[in-house]
Amino acid sequence: MNDTQFFEAARVLAEQAYWAASDGNGRIDFLSRRLLSRFLDDKEREIAVRAYQDYLRYYDANPRDARKLLGTGEAPQNPRANAVETAALAMLANQMFNLDEVLTK
């Protein structure tokens, strides 16, 4: 699941989430609805928010890593999207892609 093709799918989904909502909570909801066909429960949301915030902190401190991450794959990236936020969302989407519920149901 960490193959370039899967990560590229996570990146493209993250870009869609970035434009679909105006804040992190809405973007997390977008990812969960697309990948799980449901909203996250309270415990899941807490984990997702914490992971997203951790990724935001990391990429805010390392913007070059964010740009490198967003260059993964062949699909063109949207240069107007905030690289730090989109990279954080891509990492969260990649985590969610690896959930058993996404893979088997």
PDB file of N, CA and C in Angstrom:
ATOM      1  N   MET A   1       0.810  -1.205   0.000  1.00  0.00           N
ATOM      2  CA  MET A   1       0.000   0.000   0.000  1.00  0.00           C
ATOM      3  C   MET A   1       0.853   1.270   0.000  1.00  0.00           C
ATOM      4  N   ASN A   2       2.144   1.153   0.138  1.00  0.00           N
ATOM      5  CA  ASN A   2       2.993   2.338   0.094  1.00  0.00           C
ATOM      6  C   ASN A   2       3.621   2.527  -1.279  1.00  0.00           C
ATOM      7  N   ASP A   3       3.118   1.804  -2.266  1.00  0.00           N
ATOM      8  CA  ASP A   3       3.567   1.933  -3.632  1.00  0.00           C
ATOM      9  C   ASP A   3       3.238   3.340  -4.141  1.00  0.00           C
ATOM     10  N   THR A   4       4.003   3.828  -5.080  1.00  0.00           N
ATOM     11  CA  THR A   4       3.804   5.167  -5.635  1.00  0.00           C
ATOM     12  C   THR A   4       2.368   5.371  -6.113  1.00  0.00           C
ATOM     13  N   GLN A   5       1.803   4.367  -6.752  1.00  0.00           N
ATOM     14  CA  GLN A   5       0.448   4.492  -7.278  1.00  0.00           C
ATOM     15  C   GLN A   5      -0.570   4.736  -6.157  1.00  0.00           C
ATOM     16  N   PHE A   6      -0.449   4.025  -5.042  1.00  0.00           N
ATOM     17  CA  PHE A   6      -1.374   4.216  -3.931  1.00  0.00           C
ATOM     18  C   PHE A   6      -1.158   5.573  -3.278  1.00  0.00           C
ATOM     19  N   PHE A   7       0.108   5.970  -3.144  1.00  0.00           N
ATOM     20  CA  PHE A   7       0.350   7.262  -2.530  1.00  0.00           C
ATOM     21  C   PHE A   7      -0.120   8.393  -3.437  1.00  0.00           C
ATOM     22  N   GLU A   8       0.037   8.217  -4.731  1.00  0.00           N
ATOM     23  CA  GLU A   8      -0.468   9.219  -5.666  1.00  0.00           C
ATOM     24  C   GLU A   8      -1.987   9.353  -5.533  1.00  0.00           C
ATOM     25  N   ALA A   9      -2.678   8.242  -5.368  1.00  0.00           N
ATOM     26  CA  ALA A   9      -4.128   8.280  -5.158  1.00  0.00           C
ATOM     27  C   ALA A   9      -4.454   9.047  -3.874  1.00  0.00           C
ATOM     28  N   ALA A  10      -3.671   8.828  -2.822  1.00  0.00           N
ATOM     29  CA  ALA A  10      -3.875   9.551  -1.562  1.00  0.00           C
ATOM     30  C   ALA A  10      -3.634  11.044  -1.761  1.00  0.00           C
ATOM     31  N   ARG A  11      -2.615  11.388  -2.529  1.00  0.00           N
ATOM     32  CA  ARG A  11      -2.296  12.793  -2.789  1.00  0.00           C
ATOM     33  C   ARG A  11      -3.413  13.483  -3.569  1.00  0.00           C
ATOM     34  N   VAL A  12      -3.906  12.825  -4.601  1.00  0.00           N
ATOM     35  CA  VAL A  12      -4.986  13.408  -5.403  1.00  0.00           C
ATOM     36  C   VAL A  12      -6.247  13.558  -4.553  1.00  0.00           C
ATOM     37  N   LEU A  13      -6.548  12.568  -3.732  1.00  0.00           N
ATOM     38  CA  LEU A  13      -7.695  12.660  -2.836  1.00  0.00           C
ATOM     39  C   LEU A  13      -7.501  13.802  -1.838  1.00  0.00           C
ATOM     40  N   ALA A  14      -6.291  13.975  -1.343  1.00  0.00           N
ATOM     41  CA  ALA A  14      -5.992  15.069  -0.415  1.00  0.00           C
ATOM     42  C   ALA A  14      -6.220  16.423  -1.083  1.00  0.00           C
ATOM     43  N   GLU A  15      -5.827  16.557  -2.332  1.00  0.00           N
ATOM     44  CA  GLU A  15      -6.067  17.814  -3.046  1.00  0.00           C
ATOM     45  C   GLU A  15      -7.562  18.069  -3.196  1.00  0.00           C
ATOM     46  N   GLN A  16      -8.322  17.024  -3.464  1.00  0.00           N
ATOM     47  CA  GLN A  16      -9.782  17.180  -3.557  1.00  0.00           C
ATOM     48  C   GLN A  16     -10.351  17.611  -2.213  1.00  0.00           C
ATOM     49  N   ALA A  17      -9.864  17.012  -1.129  1.00  0.00           N
ATOM     50  CA  ALA A  17     -10.323  17.376   0.214  1.00  0.00           C
ATOM     51  C   ALA A  17      -9.975  18.820   0.537  1.00  0.00           C
ATOM     52  N   TYR A  18      -8.794  19.238   0.120  1.00  0.00           N
ATOM     53  CA  TYR A  18      -8.358  20.620   0.378  1.00  0.00           C
ATOM     54  C   TYR A  18      -9.349  21.617  -0.214  1.00  0.00           C
ATOM     55  N   TRP A  19      -9.807  21.359  -1.430  1.00  0.00           N
ATOM     56  CA  TRP A  19     -10.724  22.287  -2.089  1.00  0.00           C
ATOM     57  C   TRP A  19     -12.180  22.076  -1.682  1.00  0.00           C
ATOM     58  N   ALA A  20     -12.504  20.921  -1.146  1.00  0.00           N
ATOM     59  CA  ALA A  20     -13.898  20.606  -0.807  1.00  0.00           C
ATOM     60  C   ALA A  20     -14.367  21.253   0.489  1.00  0.00           C
ATOM     61  N   ALA A  21     -13.440  21.594   1.366  1.00  0.00           N
ATOM     62  CA  ALA A  21     -13.817  22.153   2.668  1.00  0.00           C
ATOM     63  C   ALA A  21     -12.846  23.261   3.051  1.00  0.00           C
ATOM     64  N   SER A  22     -13.281  24.102   3.958  1.00  0.00           N
ATOM     65  CA  SER A  22     -12.470  25.265   4.308  1.00  0.00           C
ATOM     66  C   SER A  22     -11.616  25.073   5.557  1.00  0.00           C
ATOM     67  N   ASP A  23     -11.792  23.937   6.242  1.00  0.00           N
ATOM     68  CA  ASP A  23     -10.993  23.716   7.449  1.00  0.00           C
ATOM     69  C   ASP A  23     -10.643  22.239   7.598  1.00  0.00           C
ATOM     70  N   GLY A  24      -9.776  21.954   8.552  1.00  0.00           N
ATOM     71  CA  GLY A  24      -9.298  20.588   8.763  1.00  0.00           C
ATOM     72  C   GLY A  24     -10.405  19.601   9.069  1.00  0.00           C
ATOM     73  N   ASN A  25     -11.371  19.998   9.894  1.00  0.00           N
ATOM     74  CA  ASN A  25     -12.459  19.077  10.237  1.00  0.00           C
ATOM     75  C   ASN A  25     -13.276  18.704   9.008  1.00  0.00           C
ATOM     76  N   GLY A  26     -13.599  19.679   8.194  1.00  0.00           N
ATOM     77  CA  GLY A  26     -14.345  19.401   6.973  1.00  0.00           C
ATOM     78  C   GLY A  26     -13.562  18.535   6.008  1.00  0.00           C
ATOM     79  N   ARG A  27     -12.256  18.754   5.971  1.00  0.00           N
ATOM     80  CA  ARG A  27     -11.401  17.966   5.081  1.00  0.00           C
ATOM     81  C   ARG A  27     -11.280  16.524   5.567  1.00  0.00           C
ATOM     82  N   ILE A  28     -11.216  16.342   6.868  1.00  0.00           N
ATOM     83  CA  ILE A  28     -11.194  14.987   7.434  1.00  0.00           C
ATOM     84  C   ILE A  28     -12.525  14.293   7.150  1.00  0.00           C
ATOM     85  N   ASP A  29     -13.627  15.023   7.274  1.00  0.00           N
ATOM     86  CA  ASP A  29     -14.937  14.457   6.933  1.00  0.00           C
ATOM     87  C   ASP A  29     -14.982  14.042   5.468  1.00  0.00           C
ATOM     88  N   PHE A  30     -14.439  14.869   4.594  1.00  0.00           N
ATOM     89  CA  PHE A  30     -14.406  14.536   3.168  1.00  0.00           C
ATOM     90  C   PHE A  30     -13.671  13.218   2.944  1.00  0.00           C
ATOM     91  N   LEU A  31     -12.493  13.079   3.570  1.00  0.00           N
ATOM     92  CA  LEU A  31     -11.721  11.839   3.405  1.00  0.00           C
ATOM     93  C   LEU A  31     -12.493  10.632   3.921  1.00  0.00           C
ATOM     94  N   SER A  32     -13.100  10.757   5.098  1.00  0.00           N
ATOM     95  CA  SER A  32     -13.803   9.603   5.669  1.00  0.00           C
ATOM     96  C   SER A  32     -15.015   9.223   4.824  1.00  0.00           C
ATOM     97  N   ARG A  33     -15.729  10.222   4.308  1.00  0.00           N
ATOM     98  CA  ARG A  33     -16.897   9.909   3.473  1.00  0.00           C
ATOM     99  C   ARG A  33     -16.475   9.233   2.171  1.00  0.00           C
ATOM    100  N   ARG A  34     -15.367   9.667   1.600  1.00  0.00           N
ATOM    101  CA  ARG A  34     -14.898   9.073   0.342  1.00  0.00           C
ATOM    102  C   ARG A  34     -14.330   7.677   0.552  1.00  0.00           C
ATOM    103  N   LEU A  35     -13.592   7.482   1.631  1.00  0.00           N
ATOM    104  CA  LEU A  35     -12.909   6.203   1.823  1.00  0.00           C
ATOM    105  C   LEU A  35     -13.724   5.185   2.610  1.00  0.00           C
ATOM    106  N   LEU A  36     -14.515   5.651   3.559  1.00  0.00           N
ATOM    107  CA  LEU A  36     -15.258   4.731   4.428  1.00  0.00           C
ATOM    108  C   LEU A  36     -16.765   4.752   4.173  1.00  0.00           C
ATOM    109  N   SER A  37     -17.207   5.717   3.387  1.00  0.00           N
ATOM    110  CA  SER A  37     -18.640   5.923   3.124  1.00  0.00           C
ATOM    111  C   SER A  37     -19.412   6.224   4.402  1.00  0.00           C
ATOM    112  N   ARG A  38     -18.723   6.865   5.349  1.00  0.00           N
ATOM    113  CA  ARG A  38     -19.372   7.249   6.608  1.00  0.00           C
ATOM    114  C   ARG A  38     -18.495   8.282   7.306  1.00  0.00           C
ATOM    115  N   PHE A  39     -19.081   8.927   8.299  1.00  0.00           N
ATOM    116  CA  PHE A  39     -18.304   9.828   9.134  1.00  0.00           C
ATOM    117  C   PHE A  39     -17.570   9.024  10.199  1.00  0.00           C
ATOM    118  N   LEU A  40     -16.488   9.557  10.694  1.00  0.00           N
ATOM    119  CA  LEU A  40     -15.731   8.904  11.765  1.00  0.00           C
ATOM    120  C   LEU A  40     -16.490   9.014  13.074  1.00  0.00           C
ATOM    121  N   ASP A  41     -16.374   7.990  13.919  1.00  0.00           N
ATOM    122  CA  ASP A  41     -16.943   8.114  15.260  1.00  0.00           C
ATOM    123  C   ASP A  41     -16.001   8.992  16.101  1.00  0.00           C
ATOM    124  N   ASP A  42     -16.387   9.293  17.318  1.00  0.00           N
ATOM    125  CA  ASP A  42     -15.621  10.234  18.149  1.00  0.00           C
ATOM    126  C   ASP A  42     -14.179   9.792  18.376  1.00  0.00           C
ATOM    127  N   LYS A  43     -13.990   8.526  18.672  1.00  0.00           N
ATOM    128  CA  LYS A  43     -12.637   8.022  18.931  1.00  0.00           C
ATOM    129  C   LYS A  43     -11.782   8.066  17.655  1.00  0.00           C
ATOM    130  N   GLU A  44     -12.364   7.644  16.535  1.00  0.00           N
ATOM    131  CA  GLU A  44     -11.655   7.677  15.261  1.00  0.00           C
ATOM    132  C   GLU A  44     -11.298   9.117  14.879  1.00  0.00           C
ATOM    133  N   ARG A  45     -12.250  10.019  15.097  1.00  0.00           N
ATOM    134  CA  ARG A  45     -12.010  11.427  14.765  1.00  0.00           C
ATOM    135  C   ARG A  45     -10.856  11.983  15.599  1.00  0.00           C
ATOM    136  N   GLU A  46     -10.835  11.645  16.864  1.00  0.00           N
ATOM    137  CA  GLU A  46      -9.758  12.111  17.741  1.00  0.00           C
ATOM    138  C   GLU A  46      -8.392  11.651  17.216  1.00  0.00           C
ATOM    139  N   ILE A  47      -8.319  10.405  16.797  1.00  0.00           N
ATOM    140  CA  ILE A  47      -7.064   9.861  16.253  1.00  0.00           C
ATOM    141  C   ILE A  47      -6.699  10.568  14.948  1.00  0.00           C
ATOM    142  N   ALA A  48      -7.681  10.746  14.067  1.00  0.00           N
ATOM    143  CA  ALA A  48      -7.430  11.388  12.779  1.00  0.00           C
ATOM    144  C   ALA A  48      -7.000  12.844  12.958  1.00  0.00           C
ATOM    145  N   VAL A  49      -7.656  13.563  13.844  1.00  0.00           N
ATOM    146  CA  VAL A  49      -7.309  14.963  14.091  1.00  0.00           C
ATOM    147  C   VAL A  49      -5.904  15.063  14.654  1.00  0.00           C
ATOM    148  N   ARG A  50      -5.583  14.204  15.596  1.00  0.00           N
ATOM    149  CA  ARG A  50      -4.237  14.222  16.188  1.00  0.00           C
ATOM    150  C   ARG A  50      -3.168  13.921  15.124  1.00  0.00           C
ATOM    151  N   ALA A  51      -3.417  12.934  14.286  1.00  0.00           N
ATOM    152  CA  ALA A  51      -2.460  12.598  13.221  1.00  0.00           C
ATOM    153  C   ALA A  51      -2.320  13.765  12.252  1.00  0.00           C
ATOM    154  N   TYR A  52      -3.435  14.347  11.846  1.00  0.00           N
ATOM    155  CA  TYR A  52      -3.421  15.484  10.917  1.00  0.00           C
ATOM    156  C   TYR A  52      -2.623  16.650  11.517  1.00  0.00           C
ATOM    157  N   GLN A  53      -2.853  16.942  12.787  1.00  0.00           N
ATOM    158  CA  GLN A  53      -2.115  18.030  13.444  1.00  0.00           C
ATOM    159  C   GLN A  53      -0.627  17.729  13.526  1.00  0.00           C
ATOM    160  N   ASP A  54      -0.282  16.475  13.806  1.00  0.00           N
ATOM    161  CA  ASP A  54       1.136  16.085  13.825  1.00  0.00           C
ATOM    162  C   ASP A  54       1.775  16.283  12.456  1.00  0.00           C
ATOM    163  N   TYR A  55       1.068  15.866  11.406  1.00  0.00           N
ATOM    164  CA  TYR A  55       1.585  16.050  10.052  1.00  0.00           C
ATOM    165  C   TYR A  55       1.705  17.532   9.701  1.00  0.00           C
ATOM    166  N   LEU A  56       0.724  18.331  10.102  1.00  0.00           N
ATOM    167  CA  LEU A  56       0.794  19.767   9.850  1.00  0.00           C
ATOM    168  C   LEU A  56       2.025  20.382  10.507  1.00  0.00           C
ATOM    169  N   ARG A  57       2.269  20.017  11.758  1.00  0.00           N
ATOM    170  CA  ARG A  57       3.444  20.550  12.460  1.00  0.00           C
ATOM    171  C   ARG A  57       4.732  20.151  11.745  1.00  0.00           C
ATOM    172  N   TYR A  58       4.803  18.881  11.354  1.00  0.00           N
ATOM    173  CA  TYR A  58       6.013  18.410  10.684  1.00  0.00           C
ATOM    174  C   TYR A  58       6.243  19.172   9.372  1.00  0.00           C
ATOM    175  N   TYR A  59       5.221  19.216   8.527  1.00  0.00           N
ATOM    176  CA  TYR A  59       5.396  19.838   7.218  1.00  0.00           C
ATOM    177  C   TYR A  59       5.508  21.355   7.303  1.00  0.00           C
ATOM    178  N   ASP A  60       4.947  21.953   8.338  1.00  0.00           N
ATOM    179  CA  ASP A  60       5.131  23.383   8.543  1.00  0.00           C
ATOM    180  C   ASP A  60       6.602  23.683   8.846  1.00  0.00           C
ATOM    181  N   ALA A  61       7.238  22.789   9.600  1.00  0.00           N
ATOM    182  CA  ALA A  61       8.662  22.940   9.928  1.00  0.00           C
ATOM    183  C   ALA A  61       9.563  22.475   8.789  1.00  0.00           C
ATOM    184  N   ASN A  62       9.030  21.681   7.867  1.00  0.00           N
ATOM    185  CA  ASN A  62       9.810  21.099   6.764  1.00  0.00           C
ATOM    186  C   ASN A  62       9.075  21.267   5.441  1.00  0.00           C
ATOM    187  N   PRO A  63       8.874  22.511   4.980  1.00  0.00           N
ATOM    188  CA  PRO A  63       8.076  22.719   3.757  1.00  0.00           C
ATOM    189  C   PRO A  63       8.690  22.084   2.514  1.00  0.00           C
ATOM    190  N   ARG A  64       9.990  21.915   2.498  1.00  0.00           N
ATOM    191  CA  ARG A  64      10.623  21.262   1.344  1.00  0.00           C
ATOM    192  C   ARG A  64      10.185  19.797   1.269  1.00  0.00           C
ATOM    193  N   ASP A  65      10.051  19.151   2.422  1.00  0.00           N
ATOM    194  CA  ASP A  65       9.550  17.770   2.444  1.00  0.00           C
ATOM    195  C   ASP A  65       8.118  17.706   1.920  1.00  0.00           C
ATOM    196  N   ALA A  66       7.317  18.716   2.254  1.00  0.00           N
ATOM    197  CA  ALA A  66       5.931  18.752   1.773  1.00  0.00           C
ATOM    198  C   ALA A  66       5.909  18.836   0.256  1.00  0.00           C
ATOM    199  N   ARG A  67       6.712  19.717  -0.310  1.00  0.00           N
ATOM    200  CA  ARG A  67       6.744  19.856  -1.772  1.00  0.00           C
ATOM    201  C   ARG A  67       7.256  18.588  -2.442  1.00  0.00           C
ATOM    202  N   LYS A  68       8.242  17.956  -1.834  1.00  0.00           N
ATOM    203  CA  LYS A  68       8.771  16.695  -2.386  1.00  0.00           C
ATOM    204  C   LYS A  68       7.689  15.612  -2.368  1.00  0.00           C
ATOM    205  N   LEU A  69       6.991  15.514  -1.247  1.00  0.00           N
ATOM    206  CA  LEU A  69       5.923  14.533  -1.098  1.00  0.00           C
ATOM    207  C   LEU A  69       4.843  14.743  -2.158  1.00  0.00           C
ATOM    208  N   LEU A  70       4.494  15.993  -2.406  1.00  0.00           N
ATOM    209  CA  LEU A  70       3.428  16.297  -3.358  1.00  0.00           C
ATOM    210  C   LEU A  70       3.849  16.087  -4.804  1.00  0.00           C
ATOM    211  N   GLY A  71       5.132  15.881  -5.032  1.00  0.00           N
ATOM    212  CA  GLY A  71       5.612  15.576  -6.366  1.00  0.00           C
ATOM    213  C   GLY A  71       5.541  14.101  -6.711  1.00  0.00           C
ATOM    214  N   THR A  72       5.053  13.283  -5.787  1.00  0.00           N
ATOM    215  CA  THR A  72       4.961  11.845  -6.003  1.00  0.00           C
ATOM    216  C   THR A  72       3.916  11.524  -7.065  1.00  0.00           C
ATOM    217  N   GLY A  73       4.296  10.709  -8.024  1.00  0.00           N
ATOM    218  CA  GLY A  73       3.351  10.259  -9.039  1.00  0.00           C
ATOM    219  C   GLY A  73       3.343  11.152 -10.262  1.00  0.00           C
ATOM    220  N   GLU A  74       2.503  10.778 -11.205  1.00  0.00           N
ATOM    221  CA  GLU A  74       2.446  11.475 -12.483  1.00  0.00           C
ATOM    222  C   GLU A  74       1.308  12.477 -12.581  1.00  0.00           C
ATOM    223  N   ALA A  75       0.283  12.325 -11.751  1.00  0.00           N
ATOM    224  CA  ALA A  75      -0.839  13.268 -11.810  1.00  0.00           C
ATOM    225  C   ALA A  75      -0.335  14.655 -11.453  1.00  0.00           C
ATOM    226  N   PRO A  76      -0.722  15.655 -12.236  1.00  0.00           N
ATOM    227  CA  PRO A  76      -0.249  17.008 -11.934  1.00  0.00           C
ATOM    228  C   PRO A  76      -0.808  17.492 -10.596  1.00  0.00           C
ATOM    229  N   GLN A  77       0.002  18.241  -9.878  1.00  0.00           N
ATOM    230  CA  GLN A  77      -0.460  18.794  -8.616  1.00  0.00           C
ATOM    231  C   GLN A  77      -0.949  20.214  -8.844  1.00  0.00           C
ATOM    232  N   ASN A  78      -1.846  20.641  -8.003  1.00  0.00           N
ATOM    233  CA  ASN A  78      -2.392  21.985  -8.108  1.00  0.00           C
ATOM    234  C   ASN A  78      -1.481  22.939  -7.334  1.00  0.00           C
ATOM    235  N   PRO A  79      -0.783  23.835  -8.012  1.00  0.00           N
ATOM    236  CA  PRO A  79       0.154  24.716  -7.322  1.00  0.00           C
ATOM    237  C   PRO A  79      -0.531  25.751  -6.433  1.00  0.00           C
ATOM    238  N   ARG A  80      -1.843  25.943  -6.581  1.00  0.00           N
ATOM    239  CA  ARG A  80      -2.559  26.906  -5.739  1.00  0.00           C
ATOM    240  C   ARG A  80      -2.911  26.335  -4.378  1.00  0.00           C
ATOM    241  N   ALA A  81      -2.886  25.021  -4.230  1.00  0.00           N
ATOM    242  CA  ALA A  81      -3.189  24.396  -2.945  1.00  0.00           C
ATOM    243  C   ALA A  81      -2.022  24.613  -1.977  1.00  0.00           C
ATOM    244  N   ASN A  82      -2.340  24.826  -0.730  1.00  0.00           N
ATOM    245  CA  ASN A  82      -1.318  24.990   0.296  1.00  0.00           C
ATOM    246  C   ASN A  82      -0.558  23.676   0.444  1.00  0.00           C
ATOM    247  N   ALA A  83       0.747  23.705   0.182  1.00  0.00           N
ATOM    248  CA  ALA A  83       1.553  22.475   0.171  1.00  0.00           C
ATOM    249  C   ALA A  83       1.588  21.804   1.530  1.00  0.00           C
ATOM    250  N   VAL A  84       1.701  22.564   2.604  1.00  0.00           N
ATOM    251  CA  VAL A  84       1.778  21.983   3.950  1.00  0.00           C
ATOM    252  C   VAL A  84       0.487  21.259   4.292  1.00  0.00           C
ATOM    253  N   GLU A  85      -0.636  21.924   4.081  1.00  0.00           N
ATOM    254  CA  GLU A  85      -1.922  21.297   4.400  1.00  0.00           C
ATOM    255  C   GLU A  85      -2.213  20.104   3.500  1.00  0.00           C
ATOM    256  N   THR A  86      -1.896  20.234   2.225  1.00  0.00           N
ATOM    257  CA  THR A  86      -2.156  19.134   1.295  1.00  0.00           C
ATOM    258  C   THR A  86      -1.270  17.935   1.617  1.00  0.00           C
ATOM    259  N   ALA A  87      -0.020  18.162   1.980  1.00  0.00           N
ATOM    260  CA  ALA A  87       0.869  17.054   2.357  1.00  0.00           C
ATOM    261  C   ALA A  87       0.348  16.357   3.609  1.00  0.00           C
ATOM    262  N   ALA A  88      -0.107  17.140   4.591  1.00  0.00           N
ATOM    263  CA  ALA A  88      -0.655  16.548   5.815  1.00  0.00           C
ATOM    264  C   ALA A  88      -1.893  15.712   5.493  1.00  0.00           C
ATOM    265  N   LEU A  89      -2.757  16.221   4.639  1.00  0.00           N
ATOM    266  CA  LEU A  89      -3.950  15.477   4.235  1.00  0.00           C
ATOM    267  C   LEU A  89      -3.580  14.225   3.450  1.00  0.00           C
ATOM    268  N   ALA A  90      -2.553  14.314   2.623  1.00  0.00           N
ATOM    269  CA  ALA A  90      -2.119  13.148   1.849  1.00  0.00           C
ATOM    270  C   ALA A  90      -1.631  12.038   2.775  1.00  0.00           C
ATOM    271  N   MET A  91      -0.897  12.407   3.798  1.00  0.00           N
ATOM    272  CA  MET A  91      -0.431  11.396   4.749  1.00  0.00           C
ATOM    273  C   MET A  91      -1.603  10.770   5.501  1.00  0.00           C
ATOM    274  N   LEU A  92      -2.576  11.596   5.889  1.00  0.00           N
ATOM    275  CA  LEU A  92      -3.753  11.067   6.566  1.00  0.00           C
ATOM    276  C   LEU A  92      -4.553  10.167   5.622  1.00  0.00           C
ATOM    277  N   ALA A  93      -4.721  10.591   4.387  1.00  0.00           N
ATOM    278  CA  ALA A  93      -5.438   9.759   3.407  1.00  0.00           C
ATOM    279  C   ALA A  93      -4.715   8.435   3.199  1.00  0.00           C
ATOM    280  N   ASN A  94      -3.397   8.472   3.141  1.00  0.00           N
ATOM    281  CA  ASN A  94      -2.617   7.248   2.979  1.00  0.00           C
ATOM    282  C   ASN A  94      -2.839   6.308   4.164  1.00  0.00           C
ATOM    283  N   GLN A  95      -2.874   6.853   5.363  1.00  0.00           N
ATOM    284  CA  GLN A  95      -3.170   6.030   6.545  1.00  0.00           C
ATOM    285  C   GLN A  95      -4.549   5.405   6.420  1.00  0.00           C
ATOM    286  N   MET A  96      -5.511   6.202   6.008  1.00  0.00           N
ATOM    287  CA  MET A  96      -6.882   5.703   5.910  1.00  0.00           C
ATOM    288  C   MET A  96      -7.014   4.652   4.804  1.00  0.00           C
ATOM    289  N   PHE A  97      -6.278   4.813   3.710  1.00  0.00           N
ATOM    290  CA  PHE A  97      -6.283   3.801   2.652  1.00  0.00           C
ATOM    291  C   PHE A  97      -5.853   2.434   3.194  1.00  0.00           C
ATOM    292  N   ASN A  98      -5.039   2.437   4.221  1.00  0.00           N
ATOM    293  CA  ASN A  98      -4.522   1.188   4.786  1.00  0.00           C
ATOM    294  C   ASN A  98      -5.440   0.556   5.823  1.00  0.00           C
ATOM    295  N   LEU A  99      -6.551   1.186   6.141  1.00  0.00           N
ATOM    296  CA  LEU A  99      -7.495   0.612   7.103  1.00  0.00           C
ATOM    297  C   LEU A  99      -8.147  -0.643   6.522  1.00  0.00           C
ATOM    298  N   ASP A 100      -8.331  -1.641   7.365  1.00  0.00           N
ATOM    299  CA  ASP A 100      -8.987  -2.879   6.940  1.00  0.00           C
ATOM    300  C   ASP A 100     -10.364  -2.589   6.337  1.00  0.00           C
ATOM    301  N   GLU A 101     -11.074  -1.657   6.902  1.00  0.00           N
ATOM    302  CA  GLU A 101     -12.415  -1.312   6.418  1.00  0.00           C
ATOM    303  C   GLU A 101     -12.368  -0.781   4.980  1.00  0.00           C
ATOM    304  N   VAL A 102     -11.327  -0.099   4.627  1.00  0.00           N
ATOM    305  CA  VAL A 102     -11.189   0.437   3.271  1.00  0.00           C
ATOM    306  C   VAL A 102     -10.770  -0.685   2.316  1.00  0.00           C
ATOM    307  N   LEU A 103      -9.907  -1.544   2.773  1.00  0.00           N
ATOM    308  CA  LEU A 103      -9.358  -2.589   1.914  1.00  0.00           C
ATOM    309  C   LEU A 103     -10.326  -3.730   1.645  1.00  0.00           C
ATOM    310  N   THR A 104     -11.196  -4.049   2.585  1.00  0.00           N
ATOM    311  CA  THR A 104     -11.991  -5.271   2.448  1.00  0.00           C
ATOM    312  C   THR A 104     -13.493  -5.078   2.427  1.00  0.00           C
ATOM    313  N   LYS A 105     -13.974  -3.869   2.660  1.00  0.00           N
ATOM    314  CA  LYS A 105     -15.421  -3.706   2.758  1.00  0.00           C
ATOM    315  C   LYS A 105     -15.943  -2.672   1.806  1.00  0.00           C
TER     316      LYS A 105
END
